[in-house]
């Protein structure tokens, strides 16, 4: 009986790790794609980048609301902030809400962005 209880607890721990790991993997993949979009989309406008980020979120099934995405520009920088809450199923009947935040400051280099050497 004691061994059966230990196996049940171990199964619950493995289940929770699998569920949390798959949600975190999707977060890191989403963050990486958004960073690549910002890095290579320097010629795009802020609204175009916003649309591409929302397309990525929809494709990856990330529950991101359009009002939770912010795209700003600085000199040779694209700054993207996004936040969403996803429910992680730790045990078969319990969901834990966890907020994921994407805060990127990407240095963009393009033609004409480097000052000439004198």
C-alpha atoms as a PDB file:
ATOM      1  CA  UNK A   1       0.000   0.000   0.000  1.00  0.00           C
ATOM      2  CA  UNK A   2       2.848   2.368   0.856  1.00  0.00           C
ATOM      3  CA  UNK A   3       4.515   1.676  -2.495  1.00  0.00           C
ATOM      4  CA  UNK A   4       1.263   2.348  -4.335  1.00  0.00           C
ATOM      5  CA  UNK A   5       0.937   5.731  -2.608  1.00  0.00           C
ATOM      6  CA  UNK A   6       4.518   6.632  -3.530  1.00  0.00           C
ATOM      7  CA  UNK A   7       3.856   5.689  -7.147  1.00  0.00           C
ATOM      8  CA  UNK A   8       0.694   7.823  -7.205  1.00  0.00           C
ATOM      9  CA  UNK A   9       2.558  10.834  -5.813  1.00  0.00           C
ATOM     10  CA  UNK A  10       5.395  10.318  -8.295  1.00  0.00           C
ATOM     11  CA  UNK A  11       2.878  10.121 -11.150  1.00  0.00           C
ATOM     12  CA  UNK A  12       1.271  13.403 -10.045  1.00  0.00           C
ATOM     13  CA  UNK A  13       4.663  15.124  -9.861  1.00  0.00           C
ATOM     14  CA  UNK A  14       5.617  13.861 -13.319  1.00  0.00           C
ATOM     15  CA  UNK A  15       2.231  14.966 -14.692  1.00  0.00           C
ATOM     16  CA  UNK A  16       2.609  18.477 -13.218  1.00  0.00           C
ATOM     17  CA  UNK A  17       6.160  18.785 -14.587  1.00  0.00           C
ATOM     18  CA  UNK A  18       5.037  17.689 -18.048  1.00  0.00           C
ATOM     19  CA  UNK A  19       2.132  20.179 -18.096  1.00  0.00           C
ATOM     20  CA  UNK A  20       4.246  23.098 -16.813  1.00  0.00           C
ATOM     21  CA  UNK A  21       7.130  22.202 -19.100  1.00  0.00           C
ATOM     22  CA  UNK A  22       4.978  22.192 -22.223  1.00  0.00           C
ATOM     23  CA  UNK A  23       3.510  25.616 -21.355  1.00  0.00           C
ATOM     24  CA  UNK A  24       6.979  27.054 -20.672  1.00  0.00           C
ATOM     25  CA  UNK A  25       8.314  25.577 -23.917  1.00  0.00           C
ATOM     26  CA  UNK A  26       5.548  27.309 -25.858  1.00  0.00           C
ATOM     27  CA  UNK A  27       6.361  30.593 -24.036  1.00  0.00           C
ATOM     28  CA  UNK A  28      10.056  30.404 -24.954  1.00  0.00           C
ATOM     29  CA  UNK A  29       9.253  29.500 -28.575  1.00  0.00           C
ATOM     30  CA  UNK A  30       6.834  32.428 -28.758  1.00  0.00           C
ATOM     31  CA  UNK A  31       9.385  34.799 -27.233  1.00  0.00           C
ATOM     32  CA  UNK A  32      12.058  33.616 -29.675  1.00  0.00           C
ATOM     33  CA  UNK A  33       9.803  34.135 -32.707  1.00  0.00           C
ATOM     34  CA  UNK A  34       8.817  37.618 -31.514  1.00  0.00           C
ATOM     35  CA  UNK A  35      12.492  38.485 -31.053  1.00  0.00           C
ATOM     36  CA  UNK A  36      13.320  37.253 -34.570  1.00  0.00           C
ATOM     37  CA  UNK A  37      10.405  39.281 -35.940  1.00  0.00           C
ATOM     38  CA  UNK A  38      11.679  42.430 -34.236  1.00  0.00           C
ATOM     39  CA  UNK A  39      15.264  41.789 -35.303  1.00  0.00           C
ATOM     40  CA  UNK A  40      14.505  41.263 -38.976  1.00  0.00           C
ATOM     41  CA  UNK A  41      11.428  43.484 -39.215  1.00  0.00           C
ATOM     42  CA  UNK A  42      13.124  46.832 -38.668  1.00  0.00           C
ATOM     43  CA  UNK A  43      11.660  48.166 -41.921  1.00  0.00           C
ATOM     44  CA  UNK A  44       8.109  47.362 -40.812  1.00  0.00           C
ATOM     45  CA  UNK A  45       5.895  49.883 -39.053  1.00  0.00           C
ATOM     46  CA  UNK A  46       4.748  49.462 -35.453  1.00  0.00           C
ATOM     47  CA  UNK A  47       1.265  48.401 -36.547  1.00  0.00           C
ATOM     48  CA  UNK A  48       2.697  45.817 -38.952  1.00  0.00           C
ATOM     49  CA  UNK A  49       4.889  44.382 -36.187  1.00  0.00           C
ATOM     50  CA  UNK A  50       1.866  44.308 -33.863  1.00  0.00           C
ATOM     51  CA  UNK A  51      -0.108  42.367 -36.486  1.00  0.00           C
ATOM     52  CA  UNK A  52       2.740  39.894 -37.047  1.00  0.00           C
ATOM     53  CA  UNK A  53       3.054  39.316 -33.282  1.00  0.00           C
ATOM     54  CA  UNK A  54      -0.676  38.629 -33.027  1.00  0.00           C
ATOM     55  CA  UNK A  55      -0.419  36.221 -35.990  1.00  0.00           C
ATOM     56  CA  UNK A  56       2.403  34.376 -34.226  1.00  0.00           C
ATOM     57  CA  UNK A  57       0.336  34.183 -31.028  1.00  0.00           C
ATOM     58  CA  UNK A  58      -2.685  32.826 -32.900  1.00  0.00           C
ATOM     59  CA  UNK A  59      -0.589  30.253 -34.759  1.00  0.00           C
ATOM     60  CA  UNK A  60       1.069  29.060 -31.548  1.00  0.00           C
ATOM     61  CA  UNK A  61      -2.227  29.145 -29.592  1.00  0.00           C
ATOM     62  CA  UNK A  62      -0.917  31.686 -27.089  1.00  0.00           C
ATOM     63  CA  UNK A  63      -3.833  33.463 -25.342  1.00  0.00           C
ATOM     64  CA  UNK A  64      -2.588  36.988 -26.076  1.00  0.00           C
ATOM     65  CA  UNK A  65      -5.033  39.891 -26.284  1.00  0.00           C
ATOM     66  CA  UNK A  66      -4.195  42.667 -28.786  1.00  0.00           C
ATOM     67  CA  UNK A  67      -4.354  45.341 -26.075  1.00  0.00           C
ATOM     68  CA  UNK A  68      -1.611  43.530 -24.131  1.00  0.00           C
ATOM     69  CA  UNK A  69       0.973  44.056 -26.882  1.00  0.00           C
ATOM     70  CA  UNK A  70       3.047  47.224 -27.034  1.00  0.00           C
ATOM     71  CA  UNK A  71       5.525  48.054 -29.812  1.00  0.00           C
ATOM     72  CA  UNK A  72       7.790  51.101 -29.440  1.00  0.00           C
ATOM     73  CA  UNK A  73      10.830  52.348 -31.260  1.00  0.00           C
ATOM     74  CA  UNK A  74      13.945  54.146 -30.164  1.00  0.00           C
ATOM     75  CA  UNK A  75      17.099  54.970 -32.069  1.00  0.00           C
ATOM     76  CA  UNK A  76      18.140  51.620 -33.584  1.00  0.00           C
ATOM     77  CA  UNK A  77      15.889  49.793 -31.092  1.00  0.00           C
ATOM     78  CA  UNK A  78      12.558  48.029 -31.227  1.00  0.00           C
ATOM     79  CA  UNK A  79      10.967  47.501 -27.825  1.00  0.00           C
ATOM     80  CA  UNK A  80       8.161  44.968 -27.493  1.00  0.00           C
ATOM     81  CA  UNK A  81       6.169  44.281 -24.351  1.00  0.00           C
ATOM     82  CA  UNK A  82       3.510  41.588 -24.200  1.00  0.00           C
ATOM     83  CA  UNK A  83       1.785  39.813 -21.343  1.00  0.00           C
ATOM     84  CA  UNK A  84      -0.688  36.971 -21.132  1.00  0.00           C
ATOM     85  CA  UNK A  85      -2.027  34.602 -18.523  1.00  0.00           C
ATOM     86  CA  UNK A  86      -2.153  30.900 -19.156  1.00  0.00           C
ATOM     87  CA  UNK A  87      -3.676  28.231 -16.958  1.00  0.00           C
ATOM     88  CA  UNK A  88      -1.303  25.386 -16.126  1.00  0.00           C
ATOM     89  CA  UNK A  89      -2.994  22.122 -15.201  1.00  0.00           C
ATOM     90  CA  UNK A  90      -0.916  20.868 -12.267  1.00  0.00           C
ATOM     91  CA  UNK A  91      -3.204  17.993 -11.324  1.00  0.00           C
ATOM     92  CA  UNK A  92      -6.105  16.663 -13.392  1.00  0.00           C
ATOM     93  CA  UNK A  93      -8.675  18.929 -11.701  1.00  0.00           C
ATOM     94  CA  UNK A  94      -6.633  21.994 -10.693  1.00  0.00           C
ATOM     95  CA  UNK A  95      -5.488  24.818 -12.972  1.00  0.00           C
ATOM     96  CA  UNK A  96      -2.920  27.364 -11.802  1.00  0.00           C
ATOM     97  CA  UNK A  97      -3.032  30.742 -13.597  1.00  0.00           C
ATOM     98  CA  UNK A  98       0.452  32.003 -14.422  1.00  0.00           C
ATOM     99  CA  UNK A  99       1.289  35.322 -16.072  1.00  0.00           C
ATOM    100  CA  UNK A 100       3.941  35.276 -18.785  1.00  0.00           C
ATOM    101  CA  UNK A 101       5.668  38.509 -19.782  1.00  0.00           C
ATOM    102  CA  UNK A 102       7.689  39.177 -22.890  1.00  0.00           C
ATOM    103  CA  UNK A 103       9.921  42.257 -22.553  1.00  0.00           C
ATOM    104  CA  UNK A 104      12.278  42.641 -25.491  1.00  0.00           C
ATOM    105  CA  UNK A 105      14.656  45.432 -26.431  1.00  0.00           C
ATOM    106  CA  UNK A 106      16.114  44.457 -29.783  1.00  0.00           C
ATOM    107  CA  UNK A 107      18.990  46.330 -31.402  1.00  0.00           C
ATOM    108  CA  UNK A 108      18.246  46.652 -35.101  1.00  0.00           C
ATOM    109  CA  UNK A 109      20.872  47.213 -37.712  1.00  0.00           C
ATOM    110  CA  UNK A 110      19.959  48.207 -41.207  1.00  0.00           C
ATOM    111  CA  UNK A 111      21.255  50.277 -44.081  1.00  0.00           C
ATOM    112  CA  UNK A 112      22.018  53.784 -42.887  1.00  0.00           C
ATOM    113  CA  UNK A 113      21.779  52.946 -39.201  1.00  0.00           C
ATOM    114  CA  UNK A 114      25.537  53.020 -38.599  1.00  0.00           C
ATOM    115  CA  UNK A 115      27.193  56.401 -38.376  1.00  0.00           C
ATOM    116  CA  UNK A 116      30.055  56.924 -40.850  1.00  0.00           C
ATOM    117  CA  UNK A 117      33.617  56.892 -39.519  1.00  0.00           C
ATOM    118  CA  UNK A 118      35.412  60.246 -39.836  1.00  0.00           C
END
